[in-house]
Amino acid sequence: MALGKGNEKEKGEKSGKSNKGLMIVLFVLGLLVLGSAAFGGMYLFFKTQKTVDAQEVVVENEYMDLAEFTVNLGDEGGKRFFKGELALGYDKTKAKLKEELTANQVVVRDDIIFYFKSQKADYLNNVANREAIKKQLIDSINKDLTKGKITDVRFKSMIIQ
């Protein structure tokens, strides 16, 4: 009988060691599964985000023509002026913005007039400033809009004297 008890102890020790080994293998496999799932999730998330960004870039503009402006510039002596016509571009799917622009033309024209009153002829005549002028005009107009944003400004005519 003593021999039988000894054999049971040896079997118990072997099964304990094999359980520890099995647990370690299962733990490592679990980590691999979790790691690959996390990698796959991040890959899909960033891939989807890039396609959404690419889709957002495509915006079709509709343009609203404004009547001609004649504005004295901010030069010393007040003898220089801007005369021109502008068209404001906005996302054509924003019907409420079109209504707001039409209803608030006085406010939009006021923003444009005060923008040009603050500029000097040399700055406006410099071709390198063309995009900056458009961006500043857009920012000036957008601060007073609530139902959308202007995305583009086009000059139909422009005279600076």
N, C-alpha and C. Protein backbone atom coordinates (compact mmCIF):
# COMPACT_ATOMS: atom_id res chain seq x y z
N MET A 1 0.80 -1.18 0.00
CA MET A 1 0.00 0.00 0.00
C MET A 1 0.85 1.25 0.00
N ALA A 2 1.95 1.14 0.60
CA ALA A 2 2.83 2.29 0.63
C ALA A 2 3.28 2.64 -0.77
N LEU A 3 3.46 1.62 -1.56
CA LEU A 3 3.86 1.89 -2.94
C LEU A 3 2.74 2.60 -3.69
N GLY A 4 1.52 2.27 -3.42
CA GLY A 4 0.38 2.87 -4.11
C GLY A 4 0.25 4.35 -3.80
N LYS A 5 0.53 4.72 -2.55
CA LYS A 5 0.43 6.13 -2.17
C LYS A 5 1.51 6.94 -2.85
N GLY A 6 2.65 6.37 -2.98
CA GLY A 6 3.75 7.08 -3.63
C GLY A 6 3.45 7.33 -5.10
N ASN A 7 2.83 6.39 -5.75
CA ASN A 7 2.48 6.56 -7.17
C ASN A 7 1.46 7.68 -7.35
N GLU A 8 0.53 7.81 -6.41
CA GLU A 8 -0.48 8.86 -6.51
C GLU A 8 0.17 10.24 -6.35
N LYS A 9 1.18 10.34 -5.48
CA LYS A 9 1.86 11.62 -5.30
C LYS A 9 2.60 12.00 -6.57
N GLU A 10 3.24 11.05 -7.20
CA GLU A 10 3.97 11.34 -8.43
C GLU A 10 3.01 11.77 -9.53
N LYS A 11 1.87 11.15 -9.63
CA LYS A 11 0.88 11.52 -10.63
C LYS A 11 0.34 12.92 -10.34
N GLY A 12 0.10 13.26 -9.10
CA GLY A 12 -0.39 14.59 -8.71
C GLY A 12 0.61 15.66 -9.04
N GLU A 13 1.89 15.39 -8.82
CA GLU A 13 2.93 16.37 -9.12
C GLU A 13 3.02 16.58 -10.63
N LYS A 14 2.92 15.51 -11.38
CA LYS A 14 3.00 15.64 -12.84
C LYS A 14 1.79 16.41 -13.37
N SER A 15 0.60 16.14 -12.87
CA SER A 15 -0.59 16.83 -13.37
C SER A 15 -0.57 18.30 -12.94
N GLY A 16 0.01 18.64 -11.80
CA GLY A 16 0.16 20.03 -11.37
C GLY A 16 1.09 20.78 -12.28
N LYS A 17 2.20 20.15 -12.67
CA LYS A 17 3.15 20.78 -13.58
C LYS A 17 2.53 20.95 -14.96
N SER A 18 1.78 19.96 -15.41
CA SER A 18 1.18 20.06 -16.74
C SER A 18 0.05 21.10 -16.73
N ASN A 19 -0.65 21.27 -15.62
CA ASN A 19 -1.67 22.31 -15.52
C ASN A 19 -1.04 23.70 -15.59
N LYS A 20 0.10 23.89 -14.93
CA LYS A 20 0.80 25.18 -14.99
C LYS A 20 1.27 25.46 -16.41
N GLY A 21 1.81 24.46 -17.06
CA GLY A 21 2.27 24.62 -18.44
C GLY A 21 1.11 24.94 -19.37
N LEU A 22 -0.01 24.24 -19.17
CA LEU A 22 -1.19 24.48 -19.98
C LEU A 22 -1.73 25.89 -19.75
N MET A 23 -1.73 26.34 -18.51
CA MET A 23 -2.20 27.69 -18.19
C MET A 23 -1.32 28.76 -18.85
N ILE A 24 -0.03 28.55 -18.84
CA ILE A 24 0.90 29.50 -19.46
C ILE A 24 0.67 29.56 -20.97
N VAL A 25 0.50 28.39 -21.59
CA VAL A 25 0.25 28.34 -23.03
C VAL A 25 -1.07 29.04 -23.36
N LEU A 26 -2.13 28.79 -22.58
CA LEU A 26 -3.42 29.44 -22.81
C LEU A 26 -3.31 30.96 -22.61
N PHE A 27 -2.56 31.39 -21.61
CA PHE A 27 -2.36 32.82 -21.35
C PHE A 27 -1.67 33.50 -22.53
N VAL A 28 -0.62 32.87 -23.04
CA VAL A 28 0.11 33.43 -24.19
C VAL A 28 -0.80 33.47 -25.42
N LEU A 29 -1.56 32.42 -25.65
CA LEU A 29 -2.50 32.41 -26.78
C LEU A 29 -3.56 33.50 -26.63
N GLY A 30 -4.05 33.69 -25.42
CA GLY A 30 -5.02 34.75 -25.16
C GLY A 30 -4.45 36.12 -25.46
N LEU A 31 -3.20 36.35 -25.06
CA LEU A 31 -2.54 37.63 -25.35
C LEU A 31 -2.38 37.84 -26.85
N LEU A 32 -2.03 36.79 -27.57
CA LEU A 32 -1.90 36.90 -29.02
C LEU A 32 -3.24 37.24 -29.68
N VAL A 33 -4.31 36.61 -29.23
CA VAL A 33 -5.64 36.88 -29.78
C VAL A 33 -6.04 38.32 -29.49
N LEU A 34 -5.85 38.78 -28.26
CA LEU A 34 -6.19 40.15 -27.90
C LEU A 34 -5.35 41.16 -28.68
N GLY A 35 -4.07 40.88 -28.83
CA GLY A 35 -3.19 41.78 -29.57
C GLY A 35 -3.59 41.90 -31.03
N SER A 36 -3.90 40.76 -31.64
CA SER A 36 -4.29 40.80 -33.05
C SER A 36 -5.65 41.47 -33.22
N ALA A 37 -6.57 41.28 -32.27
CA ALA A 37 -7.87 41.95 -32.34
C ALA A 37 -7.70 43.46 -32.20
N ALA A 38 -6.84 43.89 -31.29
CA ALA A 38 -6.58 45.33 -31.12
C ALA A 38 -5.95 45.91 -32.38
N PHE A 39 -5.00 45.22 -32.95
CA PHE A 39 -4.36 45.70 -34.18
C PHE A 39 -5.38 45.80 -35.31
N GLY A 40 -6.21 44.79 -35.47
CA GLY A 40 -7.23 44.80 -36.52
C GLY A 40 -8.23 45.94 -36.33
N GLY A 41 -8.63 46.15 -35.09
CA GLY A 41 -9.56 47.24 -34.80
C GLY A 41 -8.97 48.60 -35.12
N MET A 42 -7.73 48.83 -34.73
CA MET A 42 -7.06 50.11 -35.02
C MET A 42 -6.87 50.29 -36.52
N TYR A 43 -6.52 49.23 -37.21
CA TYR A 43 -6.32 49.30 -38.67
C TYR A 43 -7.62 49.72 -39.35
N LEU A 44 -8.73 49.08 -39.00
CA LEU A 44 -10.01 49.42 -39.60
C LEU A 44 -10.45 50.83 -39.23
N PHE A 45 -10.21 51.24 -37.99
CA PHE A 45 -10.58 52.59 -37.55
C PHE A 45 -9.86 53.65 -38.37
N PHE A 46 -8.55 53.54 -38.52
CA PHE A 46 -7.79 54.54 -39.26
C PHE A 46 -8.08 54.48 -40.76
N LYS A 47 -8.34 53.31 -41.29
CA LYS A 47 -8.66 53.18 -42.70
C LYS A 47 -10.00 53.87 -42.99
N THR A 48 -10.99 53.67 -42.13
CA THR A 48 -12.29 54.29 -42.29
C THR A 48 -12.18 55.80 -42.14
N GLN A 49 -11.38 56.27 -41.21
CA GLN A 49 -11.21 57.71 -40.99
C GLN A 49 -10.62 58.39 -42.22
N LYS A 50 -9.69 57.76 -42.90
CA LYS A 50 -9.09 58.35 -44.10
C LYS A 50 -10.11 58.47 -45.22
N THR A 51 -10.99 57.48 -45.38
CA THR A 51 -11.99 57.56 -46.44
C THR A 51 -13.02 58.64 -46.13
N VAL A 52 -13.36 58.83 -44.86
CA VAL A 52 -14.29 59.88 -44.49
C VAL A 52 -13.68 61.24 -44.80
N ASP A 53 -12.40 61.45 -44.49
CA ASP A 53 -11.73 62.71 -44.79
C ASP A 53 -11.72 62.98 -46.28
N ALA A 54 -11.48 61.98 -47.09
CA ALA A 54 -11.44 62.15 -48.54
C ALA A 54 -12.83 62.52 -49.07
N GLN A 55 -13.87 61.98 -48.49
CA GLN A 55 -15.22 62.28 -48.95
C GLN A 55 -15.62 63.70 -48.57
N GLU A 56 -15.17 64.21 -47.43
CA GLU A 56 -15.54 65.54 -46.98
C GLU A 56 -14.95 66.63 -47.85
N VAL A 57 -13.87 66.39 -48.52
CA VAL A 57 -13.19 67.40 -49.31
C VAL A 57 -14.04 67.83 -50.51
N VAL A 58 -14.84 66.94 -51.04
CA VAL A 58 -15.61 67.24 -52.24
C VAL A 58 -16.86 68.03 -51.84
N VAL A 59 -16.84 69.35 -52.13
CA VAL A 59 -17.97 70.22 -51.84
C VAL A 59 -18.27 71.02 -53.10
N GLU A 60 -19.51 70.97 -53.53
CA GLU A 60 -19.89 71.76 -54.70
C GLU A 60 -20.43 73.10 -54.23
N ASN A 61 -19.82 74.16 -54.74
CA ASN A 61 -20.21 75.51 -54.34
C ASN A 61 -21.28 76.07 -55.25
N GLU A 62 -22.13 76.87 -54.64
CA GLU A 62 -23.05 77.72 -55.38
C GLU A 62 -22.60 79.14 -55.07
N TYR A 63 -22.72 80.04 -56.02
CA TYR A 63 -22.21 81.40 -55.83
C TYR A 63 -23.35 82.41 -55.82
N MET A 64 -23.21 83.39 -54.93
CA MET A 64 -24.16 84.49 -54.84
C MET A 64 -23.43 85.76 -55.24
N ASP A 65 -23.92 86.42 -56.28
CA ASP A 65 -23.30 87.67 -56.74
C ASP A 65 -23.73 88.82 -55.85
N LEU A 66 -22.78 89.69 -55.56
CA LEU A 66 -23.07 90.90 -54.80
C LEU A 66 -22.93 92.10 -55.73
N ALA A 67 -23.68 93.14 -55.45
CA ALA A 67 -23.60 94.36 -56.26
C ALA A 67 -22.22 94.99 -56.09
N GLU A 68 -21.89 95.90 -56.99
CA GLU A 68 -20.57 96.53 -57.01
C GLU A 68 -20.29 97.32 -55.72
N PHE A 69 -19.03 97.28 -55.30
CA PHE A 69 -18.57 98.01 -54.12
C PHE A 69 -17.64 99.13 -54.57
N THR A 70 -17.74 100.28 -53.92
CA THR A 70 -16.75 101.33 -54.06
C THR A 70 -16.42 101.77 -52.64
N VAL A 71 -15.15 101.56 -52.24
CA VAL A 71 -14.76 101.78 -50.85
C VAL A 71 -13.43 102.53 -50.81
N ASN A 72 -13.35 103.57 -49.98
CA ASN A 72 -12.08 104.24 -49.74
C ASN A 72 -11.19 103.30 -48.95
N LEU A 73 -9.91 103.25 -49.32
CA LEU A 73 -8.96 102.37 -48.63
C LEU A 73 -8.35 103.07 -47.43
N GLY A 74 -7.62 102.32 -46.64
CA GLY A 74 -7.02 102.84 -45.41
C GLY A 74 -5.70 103.57 -45.61
N ASP A 75 -5.38 103.96 -46.83
CA ASP A 75 -4.14 104.69 -47.09
C ASP A 75 -4.22 106.11 -46.51
N GLU A 76 -3.05 106.67 -46.20
CA GLU A 76 -3.01 108.04 -45.69
C GLU A 76 -3.50 108.99 -46.77
N GLY A 77 -4.27 109.98 -46.37
CA GLY A 77 -4.80 110.95 -47.32
C GLY A 77 -6.17 110.55 -47.85
N GLY A 78 -6.52 109.29 -47.82
CA GLY A 78 -7.83 108.81 -48.24
C GLY A 78 -8.14 109.00 -49.71
N LYS A 79 -7.11 109.05 -50.56
CA LYS A 79 -7.33 109.28 -51.99
C LYS A 79 -7.40 107.99 -52.79
N ARG A 80 -7.10 106.86 -52.19
CA ARG A 80 -7.11 105.58 -52.90
C ARG A 80 -8.41 104.85 -52.59
N PHE A 81 -8.91 104.09 -53.57
CA PHE A 81 -10.16 103.37 -53.35
C PHE A 81 -10.15 102.02 -54.07
N PHE A 82 -11.06 101.16 -53.61
CA PHE A 82 -11.30 99.85 -54.20
C PHE A 82 -12.66 99.91 -54.87
N LYS A 83 -12.73 99.40 -56.08
CA LYS A 83 -14.00 99.28 -56.79
C LYS A 83 -14.03 97.87 -57.38
N GLY A 84 -15.08 97.13 -57.09
CA GLY A 84 -15.14 95.78 -57.61
C GLY A 84 -16.44 95.07 -57.31
N GLU A 85 -16.56 93.89 -57.92
CA GLU A 85 -17.71 93.01 -57.70
C GLU A 85 -17.21 91.68 -57.17
N LEU A 86 -17.95 91.13 -56.22
CA LEU A 86 -17.59 89.86 -55.60
C LEU A 86 -18.72 88.85 -55.76
N ALA A 87 -18.35 87.58 -55.70
CA ALA A 87 -19.31 86.48 -55.62
C ALA A 87 -18.89 85.61 -54.45
N LEU A 88 -19.85 85.27 -53.60
CA LEU A 88 -19.58 84.46 -52.42
C LEU A 88 -19.96 83.01 -52.69
N GLY A 89 -19.04 82.09 -52.43
CA GLY A 89 -19.30 80.67 -52.65
C GLY A 89 -19.63 79.96 -51.35
N TYR A 90 -20.63 79.09 -51.40
CA TYR A 90 -21.04 78.31 -50.23
C TYR A 90 -21.53 76.95 -50.70
N ASP A 91 -21.60 76.01 -49.76
CA ASP A 91 -22.05 74.65 -50.06
C ASP A 91 -23.49 74.70 -50.55
N LYS A 92 -23.74 74.20 -51.75
CA LYS A 92 -25.07 74.31 -52.35
C LYS A 92 -26.12 73.48 -51.64
N THR A 93 -25.72 72.56 -50.76
CA THR A 93 -26.70 71.77 -50.01
C THR A 93 -27.25 72.53 -48.81
N LYS A 94 -26.69 73.69 -48.51
CA LYS A 94 -27.11 74.48 -47.34
C LYS A 94 -28.13 75.54 -47.77
N ALA A 95 -29.38 75.14 -47.88
CA ALA A 95 -30.44 76.05 -48.32
C ALA A 95 -30.66 77.17 -47.30
N LYS A 96 -30.53 76.85 -46.03
CA LYS A 96 -30.74 77.86 -44.98
C LYS A 96 -29.68 78.95 -45.04
N LEU A 97 -28.46 78.59 -45.44
CA LEU A 97 -27.40 79.59 -45.58
C LEU A 97 -27.73 80.54 -46.72
N LYS A 98 -28.26 80.02 -47.80
CA LYS A 98 -28.64 80.88 -48.93
C LYS A 98 -29.70 81.89 -48.49
N GLU A 99 -30.67 81.41 -47.72
CA GLU A 99 -31.71 82.30 -47.20
C GLU A 99 -31.11 83.36 -46.29
N GLU A 100 -30.18 82.95 -45.43
CA GLU A 100 -29.54 83.89 -44.51
C GLU A 100 -28.73 84.94 -45.27
N LEU A 101 -27.99 84.52 -46.28
CA LEU A 101 -27.20 85.46 -47.07
C LEU A 101 -28.10 86.46 -47.79
N THR A 102 -29.20 85.97 -48.33
CA THR A 102 -30.13 86.86 -49.03
C THR A 102 -30.78 87.84 -48.06
N ALA A 103 -31.21 87.35 -46.91
CA ALA A 103 -31.88 88.20 -45.93
C ALA A 103 -30.92 89.19 -45.28
N ASN A 104 -29.66 88.83 -45.14
CA ASN A 104 -28.69 89.68 -44.43
C ASN A 104 -27.63 90.26 -45.36
N GLN A 105 -28.00 90.62 -46.56
CA GLN A 105 -27.03 91.19 -47.49
C GLN A 105 -26.41 92.46 -46.95
N VAL A 106 -27.18 93.23 -46.19
CA VAL A 106 -26.65 94.47 -45.62
C VAL A 106 -25.50 94.17 -44.67
N VAL A 107 -25.64 93.15 -43.85
CA VAL A 107 -24.59 92.77 -42.90
C VAL A 107 -23.36 92.26 -43.65
N VAL A 108 -23.57 91.45 -44.67
CA VAL A 108 -22.46 90.90 -45.46
C VAL A 108 -21.72 92.02 -46.17
N ARG A 109 -22.46 92.94 -46.78
CA ARG A 109 -21.83 94.07 -47.47
C ARG A 109 -21.06 94.94 -46.47
N ASP A 110 -21.63 95.13 -45.30
CA ASP A 110 -20.96 95.92 -44.26
C ASP A 110 -19.62 95.29 -43.87
N ASP A 111 -19.61 93.96 -43.70
CA ASP A 111 -18.36 93.25 -43.38
C ASP A 111 -17.31 93.47 -44.46
N ILE A 112 -17.74 93.39 -45.71
CA ILE A 112 -16.80 93.55 -46.83
C ILE A 112 -16.29 94.99 -46.91
N ILE A 113 -17.19 95.95 -46.75
CA ILE A 113 -16.78 97.36 -46.80
C ILE A 113 -15.77 97.67 -45.71
N PHE A 114 -16.03 97.23 -44.49
CA PHE A 114 -15.09 97.53 -43.40
C PHE A 114 -13.78 96.77 -43.55
N TYR A 115 -13.81 95.61 -44.20
CA TYR A 115 -12.55 94.91 -44.47
C TYR A 115 -11.69 95.75 -45.40
N PHE A 116 -12.27 96.21 -46.51
CA PHE A 116 -11.49 96.99 -47.48
C PHE A 116 -11.08 98.36 -46.91
N LYS A 117 -11.90 98.95 -46.05
CA LYS A 117 -11.53 100.23 -45.43
C LYS A 117 -10.28 100.10 -44.57
N SER A 118 -10.04 98.90 -44.06
CA SER A 118 -8.89 98.70 -43.18
C SER A 118 -7.62 98.30 -43.94
N GLN A 119 -7.71 98.13 -45.26
CA GLN A 119 -6.56 97.68 -46.05
C GLN A 119 -5.91 98.84 -46.80
N LYS A 120 -4.64 98.64 -47.14
CA LYS A 120 -3.90 99.63 -47.92
C LYS A 120 -3.78 99.13 -49.36
N ALA A 121 -3.65 100.06 -50.28
CA ALA A 121 -3.60 99.72 -51.71
C ALA A 121 -2.42 98.81 -52.04
N ASP A 122 -1.27 99.04 -51.43
CA ASP A 122 -0.09 98.20 -51.71
C ASP A 122 -0.35 96.74 -51.35
N TYR A 123 -1.02 96.51 -50.24
CA TYR A 123 -1.33 95.14 -49.82
C TYR A 123 -2.30 94.48 -50.81
N LEU A 124 -3.33 95.20 -51.21
CA LEU A 124 -4.34 94.63 -52.12
C LEU A 124 -3.79 94.41 -53.52
N ASN A 125 -2.85 95.24 -53.96
CA ASN A 125 -2.28 95.11 -55.30
C ASN A 125 -1.25 93.99 -55.41
N ASN A 126 -0.72 93.53 -54.30
CA ASN A 126 0.31 92.49 -54.30
C ASN A 126 -0.34 91.13 -54.61
N VAL A 127 0.06 90.53 -55.71
CA VAL A 127 -0.51 89.24 -56.15
C VAL A 127 -0.25 88.14 -55.12
N ALA A 128 0.85 88.23 -54.40
CA ALA A 128 1.19 87.21 -53.41
C ALA A 128 0.18 87.19 -52.26
N ASN A 129 -0.57 88.26 -52.08
CA ASN A 129 -1.54 88.35 -50.98
C ASN A 129 -2.95 87.91 -51.39
N ARG A 130 -3.12 87.48 -52.62
CA ARG A 130 -4.46 87.18 -53.14
C ARG A 130 -5.21 86.16 -52.28
N GLU A 131 -4.58 85.05 -51.98
CA GLU A 131 -5.24 84.01 -51.18
C GLU A 131 -5.49 84.48 -49.75
N ALA A 132 -4.55 85.24 -49.20
CA ALA A 132 -4.72 85.76 -47.84
C ALA A 132 -5.90 86.73 -47.79
N ILE A 133 -6.04 87.56 -48.81
CA ILE A 133 -7.17 88.50 -48.88
C ILE A 133 -8.49 87.73 -48.91
N LYS A 134 -8.56 86.69 -49.72
CA LYS A 134 -9.78 85.89 -49.80
C LYS A 134 -10.10 85.23 -48.45
N LYS A 135 -9.07 84.68 -47.81
CA LYS A 135 -9.29 84.03 -46.51
C LYS A 135 -9.75 85.03 -45.46
N GLN A 136 -9.15 86.22 -45.45
CA GLN A 136 -9.55 87.24 -44.49
C GLN A 136 -10.99 87.71 -44.75
N LEU A 137 -11.36 87.84 -46.00
CA LEU A 137 -12.75 88.20 -46.33
C LEU A 137 -13.72 87.11 -45.86
N ILE A 138 -13.37 85.86 -46.11
CA ILE A 138 -14.21 84.73 -45.68
C ILE A 138 -14.38 84.76 -44.17
N ASP A 139 -13.28 84.94 -43.44
CA ASP A 139 -13.35 84.98 -41.97
C ASP A 139 -14.21 86.16 -41.50
N SER A 140 -14.05 87.30 -42.14
CA SER A 140 -14.80 88.49 -41.77
C SER A 140 -16.31 88.29 -41.96
N ILE A 141 -16.69 87.64 -43.03
CA ILE A 141 -18.11 87.40 -43.31
C ILE A 141 -18.66 86.29 -42.41
N ASN A 142 -17.90 85.21 -42.24
CA ASN A 142 -18.37 84.05 -41.48
C ASN A 142 -18.66 84.37 -40.02
N LYS A 143 -18.00 85.37 -39.47
CA LYS A 143 -18.22 85.68 -38.05
C LYS A 143 -19.66 86.14 -37.78
N ASP A 144 -20.36 86.61 -38.81
CA ASP A 144 -21.73 87.07 -38.64
C ASP A 144 -22.78 86.07 -39.15
N LEU A 145 -22.35 84.93 -39.64
CA LEU A 145 -23.30 83.93 -40.15
C LEU A 145 -23.56 82.86 -39.10
N THR A 146 -24.82 82.38 -39.05
CA THR A 146 -25.18 81.36 -38.06
C THR A 146 -25.63 80.04 -38.69
N LYS A 147 -26.02 80.05 -39.95
CA LYS A 147 -26.59 78.85 -40.57
C LYS A 147 -25.65 78.13 -41.51
N GLY A 148 -24.39 78.50 -41.50
CA GLY A 148 -23.40 77.88 -42.37
C GLY A 148 -22.22 78.82 -42.54
N LYS A 149 -21.31 78.43 -43.41
CA LYS A 149 -20.08 79.21 -43.62
C LYS A 149 -19.83 79.42 -45.11
N ILE A 150 -19.27 80.58 -45.43
CA ILE A 150 -18.81 80.87 -46.78
C ILE A 150 -17.54 80.06 -47.00
N THR A 151 -17.40 79.43 -48.15
CA THR A 151 -16.21 78.62 -48.42
C THR A 151 -15.30 79.23 -49.47
N ASP A 152 -15.81 80.24 -50.22
CA ASP A 152 -15.01 80.80 -51.30
C ASP A 152 -15.45 82.23 -51.58
N VAL A 153 -14.51 83.03 -52.05
CA VAL A 153 -14.79 84.39 -52.52
C VAL A 153 -14.14 84.52 -53.88
N ARG A 154 -14.90 85.00 -54.86
CA ARG A 154 -14.37 85.22 -56.20
C ARG A 154 -14.57 86.69 -56.57
N PHE A 155 -13.53 87.26 -57.17
CA PHE A 155 -13.60 88.64 -57.64
C PHE A 155 -14.04 88.63 -59.10
N LYS A 156 -15.17 89.25 -59.39
CA LYS A 156 -15.62 89.36 -60.78
C LYS A 156 -14.92 90.54 -61.45
N SER A 157 -14.68 91.59 -60.68
CA SER A 157 -13.89 92.72 -61.17
C SER A 157 -13.25 93.39 -59.96
N MET A 158 -12.09 94.03 -60.21
CA MET A 158 -11.36 94.63 -59.09
C MET A 158 -10.48 95.75 -59.63
N ILE A 159 -10.73 96.97 -59.16
CA ILE A 159 -9.92 98.12 -59.54
C ILE A 159 -9.46 98.79 -58.25
N ILE A 160 -8.17 99.08 -58.18
CA ILE A 160 -7.63 99.80 -57.04
C ILE A 160 -6.92 101.02 -57.58
N GLN A 161 -7.38 102.21 -57.17
CA GLN A 161 -6.78 103.45 -57.64
C GLN A 161 -6.40 104.31 -56.48
